[in-house]
């Protein structure tokens, strides 16, 4: 017997992001899931449906899938990367009112990146020390603005980013930061072995 799949809704979409964050911050994810009003079984079902939608023969591709679930973007920002015309499409998600979910789109409507970014009207957090880098307190862009140059490393999955940053007074400490969908999950001292 096959279970009919009902498309994922915009209100369910944060569960997809939370699923990827659960490896790092299970307690924060559980609190957020409860705040959204879903149980663990419903979260798994939403993620399974999302995966079926992406892998379906009738899939509209990752960008089409996002638009079908999230609707028309609330904000579109044109960008130029070198000679390439790119754009960012952004949506508000109720779980993180101070952030926006952004699809970074390159030439040929190629989805290059999808992540959470600071909303234009939301103040950036003050970040100066390792203690300021609490899980879910900031996004990758906040860290780049507050702490200056960073050395980005390849994450362990497409939704994950790592960056080495310098914090504190002299001598500065090197900190490894890990992000899922652009939201900070962990920060710890980085020691070269």
Protein backbone atom coordinates (compact mmCIF):
# COMPACT_ATOMS: atom_id res chain seq x y z
CA UNK A 1 0.00 0.00 0.00
CA UNK A 2 1.40 3.40 -0.91
CA UNK A 3 0.75 6.36 1.29
CA UNK A 4 -0.36 9.39 -0.70
CA UNK A 5 2.05 12.26 -0.20
CA UNK A 6 0.60 15.63 0.57
CA UNK A 7 2.96 18.45 -0.42
CA UNK A 8 4.90 20.18 2.33
CA UNK A 9 3.36 23.48 3.43
CA UNK A 10 5.10 26.75 4.26
CA UNK A 11 4.26 26.30 7.95
CA UNK A 12 5.92 22.85 7.87
CA UNK A 13 9.02 24.01 5.98
CA UNK A 14 11.02 24.96 9.12
CA UNK A 15 10.85 21.26 10.13
CA UNK A 16 13.06 20.47 7.13
CA UNK A 17 15.68 22.95 8.35
CA UNK A 18 15.37 21.70 11.92
CA UNK A 19 15.95 18.09 10.84
CA UNK A 20 19.43 19.02 9.61
CA UNK A 21 20.17 21.01 12.79
CA UNK A 22 19.22 18.11 15.09
CA UNK A 23 22.69 16.55 14.73
CA UNK A 24 24.17 19.59 16.48
CA UNK A 25 21.48 20.99 18.75
CA UNK A 26 18.84 18.33 19.54
CA UNK A 27 17.47 20.21 22.56
CA UNK A 28 17.01 23.49 20.64
CA UNK A 29 15.43 21.55 17.78
CA UNK A 30 13.01 19.80 20.13
CA UNK A 31 11.96 23.11 21.69
CA UNK A 32 11.44 24.65 18.25
CA UNK A 33 9.48 21.63 17.02
CA UNK A 34 7.19 21.82 20.05
CA UNK A 35 6.78 25.58 19.54
CA UNK A 36 5.65 24.84 15.98
CA UNK A 37 3.16 22.27 17.32
CA UNK A 38 4.52 19.10 15.71
CA UNK A 39 5.54 15.78 17.21
CA UNK A 40 8.58 13.71 16.17
CA UNK A 41 6.54 11.46 13.89
CA UNK A 42 5.09 14.45 12.04
CA UNK A 43 8.57 15.94 11.64
CA UNK A 44 9.84 12.70 10.12
CA UNK A 45 6.83 12.52 7.81
CA UNK A 46 7.38 16.10 6.58
CA UNK A 47 11.03 15.34 5.86
CA UNK A 48 10.16 12.11 4.05
CA UNK A 49 7.59 13.98 1.94
CA UNK A 50 10.15 16.70 1.12
CA UNK A 51 12.67 14.08 -0.01
CA UNK A 52 10.03 12.35 -2.18
CA UNK A 53 9.09 15.71 -3.71
CA UNK A 54 12.74 16.44 -4.57
CA UNK A 55 13.35 12.99 -6.04
CA UNK A 56 10.08 12.69 -7.91
CA UNK A 57 10.11 12.36 -11.70
CA UNK A 58 7.79 15.36 -11.70
CA UNK A 59 10.07 17.44 -9.47
CA UNK A 60 10.45 21.06 -10.48
CA UNK A 61 14.04 20.99 -9.21
CA UNK A 62 15.26 22.45 -5.92
CA UNK A 63 14.39 26.07 -6.76
CA UNK A 64 10.95 25.19 -8.15
CA UNK A 65 10.34 23.05 -5.08
CA UNK A 66 11.16 25.95 -2.76
CA UNK A 67 8.85 28.29 -4.64
CA UNK A 68 6.02 25.74 -4.68
CA UNK A 69 6.21 25.42 -0.89
CA UNK A 70 7.16 28.95 0.17
CA UNK A 71 5.23 30.86 -2.48
CA UNK A 72 6.26 34.13 -4.06
CA UNK A 73 9.38 35.58 -2.41
CA UNK A 74 8.75 38.48 -0.06
CA UNK A 75 11.96 40.16 -1.17
CA UNK A 76 14.16 39.87 -4.27
CA UNK A 77 17.64 41.38 -4.29
CA UNK A 78 19.70 41.53 -7.48
CA UNK A 79 23.42 40.74 -7.10
CA UNK A 80 26.40 40.77 -9.40
CA UNK A 81 29.21 38.27 -8.76
CA UNK A 82 31.97 39.21 -11.19
CA UNK A 83 30.19 39.38 -14.53
CA UNK A 84 27.43 36.98 -13.48
CA UNK A 85 23.98 38.36 -12.70
CA UNK A 86 22.62 36.63 -9.60
CA UNK A 87 19.75 37.26 -7.23
CA UNK A 88 18.55 36.42 -3.75
CA UNK A 89 14.94 35.48 -3.12
CA UNK A 90 13.88 35.71 0.55
CA UNK A 91 10.98 34.47 2.65
CA UNK A 92 10.05 35.00 6.28
CA UNK A 93 9.59 31.90 8.39
CA UNK A 94 7.61 32.25 11.62
CA UNK A 95 10.13 30.30 13.71
CA UNK A 96 12.89 32.89 13.21
CA UNK A 97 11.18 36.30 12.77
CA UNK A 98 14.52 38.15 12.80
CA UNK A 99 15.85 36.02 9.93
CA UNK A 100 14.90 35.29 6.33
CA UNK A 101 15.29 32.09 4.37
CA UNK A 102 17.27 32.98 1.27
CA UNK A 103 17.71 31.19 -2.04
CA UNK A 104 20.84 32.46 -3.79
CA UNK A 105 20.26 31.98 -7.51
CA UNK A 106 22.90 32.11 -10.22
CA UNK A 107 22.78 32.24 -14.01
CA UNK A 108 20.34 29.84 -15.63
CA UNK A 109 18.11 29.81 -12.53
CA UNK A 110 20.62 27.55 -10.75
CA UNK A 111 20.11 27.35 -6.98
CA UNK A 112 23.60 28.00 -5.62
CA UNK A 113 22.88 28.24 -1.90
CA UNK A 114 19.93 28.18 0.49
CA UNK A 115 20.37 29.53 3.98
CA UNK A 116 19.10 31.79 6.75
CA UNK A 117 20.21 35.43 6.67
CA UNK A 118 19.58 38.42 8.93
CA UNK A 119 16.40 40.36 8.09
CA UNK A 120 17.18 43.90 6.85
CA UNK A 121 15.34 45.53 9.78
CA UNK A 122 16.75 43.22 12.47
CA UNK A 123 19.74 44.43 14.52
CA UNK A 124 22.87 42.32 14.35
CA UNK A 125 24.00 40.69 17.60
CA UNK A 126 27.20 41.93 19.27
CA UNK A 127 29.87 39.32 18.67
CA UNK A 128 33.34 39.76 20.15
CA UNK A 129 34.26 36.67 22.14
CA UNK A 130 33.78 32.91 22.00
CA UNK A 131 31.09 33.25 24.68
CA UNK A 132 29.06 35.53 22.38
CA UNK A 133 28.89 32.74 19.79
CA UNK A 134 25.99 30.81 21.30
CA UNK A 135 24.11 28.28 19.15
CA UNK A 136 21.32 29.87 17.10
CA UNK A 137 22.37 33.39 18.19
CA UNK A 138 23.61 34.50 14.78
CA UNK A 139 23.98 33.64 11.12
CA UNK A 140 27.10 33.33 8.99
CA UNK A 141 26.72 36.89 7.71
CA UNK A 142 26.59 38.26 11.27
CA UNK A 143 29.89 36.57 12.07
CA UNK A 144 31.51 37.85 8.89
CA UNK A 145 30.41 41.44 9.62
CA UNK A 146 31.30 41.43 13.34
CA UNK A 147 34.54 39.49 13.34
CA UNK A 148 36.05 40.36 10.00
CA UNK A 149 37.94 38.05 7.71
CA UNK A 150 37.08 34.41 7.98
CA UNK A 151 38.50 31.32 6.37
CA UNK A 152 35.59 29.28 5.06
CA UNK A 153 36.01 25.52 4.89
CA UNK A 154 33.92 22.96 3.10
CA UNK A 155 31.12 21.67 5.27
CA UNK A 156 30.31 17.98 5.65
CA UNK A 157 27.07 18.38 3.64
CA UNK A 158 25.59 20.96 1.23
CA UNK A 159 23.54 22.53 4.03
CA UNK A 160 26.55 22.88 6.34
CA UNK A 161 29.29 25.51 6.45
CA UNK A 162 32.44 25.79 8.55
CA UNK A 163 34.52 28.91 9.08
CA UNK A 164 37.63 29.74 11.06
CA UNK A 165 37.53 33.16 12.70
CA UNK A 166 39.68 35.21 15.07
CA UNK A 167 38.15 36.51 18.32
CA UNK A 168 39.17 38.35 21.45
CA UNK A 169 41.89 40.79 22.37
CA UNK A 170 45.48 40.14 21.39
CA UNK A 171 46.57 37.46 21.12
CA UNK A 172 43.44 36.51 19.23
CA UNK A 173 42.11 32.96 19.39
CA UNK A 174 41.20 30.94 16.34
CA UNK A 175 37.64 29.63 16.61
CA UNK A 176 35.99 26.98 14.44
CA UNK A 177 32.33 27.80 13.76
CA UNK A 178 29.78 25.42 12.28
CA UNK A 179 26.55 26.47 10.60
CA UNK A 180 23.54 24.58 9.25
CA UNK A 181 21.48 26.49 6.70
CA UNK A 182 23.56 29.51 7.74
CA UNK A 183 22.49 29.42 11.42
CA UNK A 184 25.29 28.99 13.99
CA UNK A 185 25.24 25.56 15.61
CA UNK A 186 28.60 25.36 17.37
CA UNK A 187 31.76 27.38 18.08
CA UNK A 188 34.88 26.03 19.72
CA UNK A 189 38.59 26.77 19.93
CA UNK A 190 40.43 25.47 16.90
CA UNK A 191 43.74 23.73 17.43
CA UNK A 192 45.87 22.66 14.52
CA UNK A 193 47.03 19.10 15.02
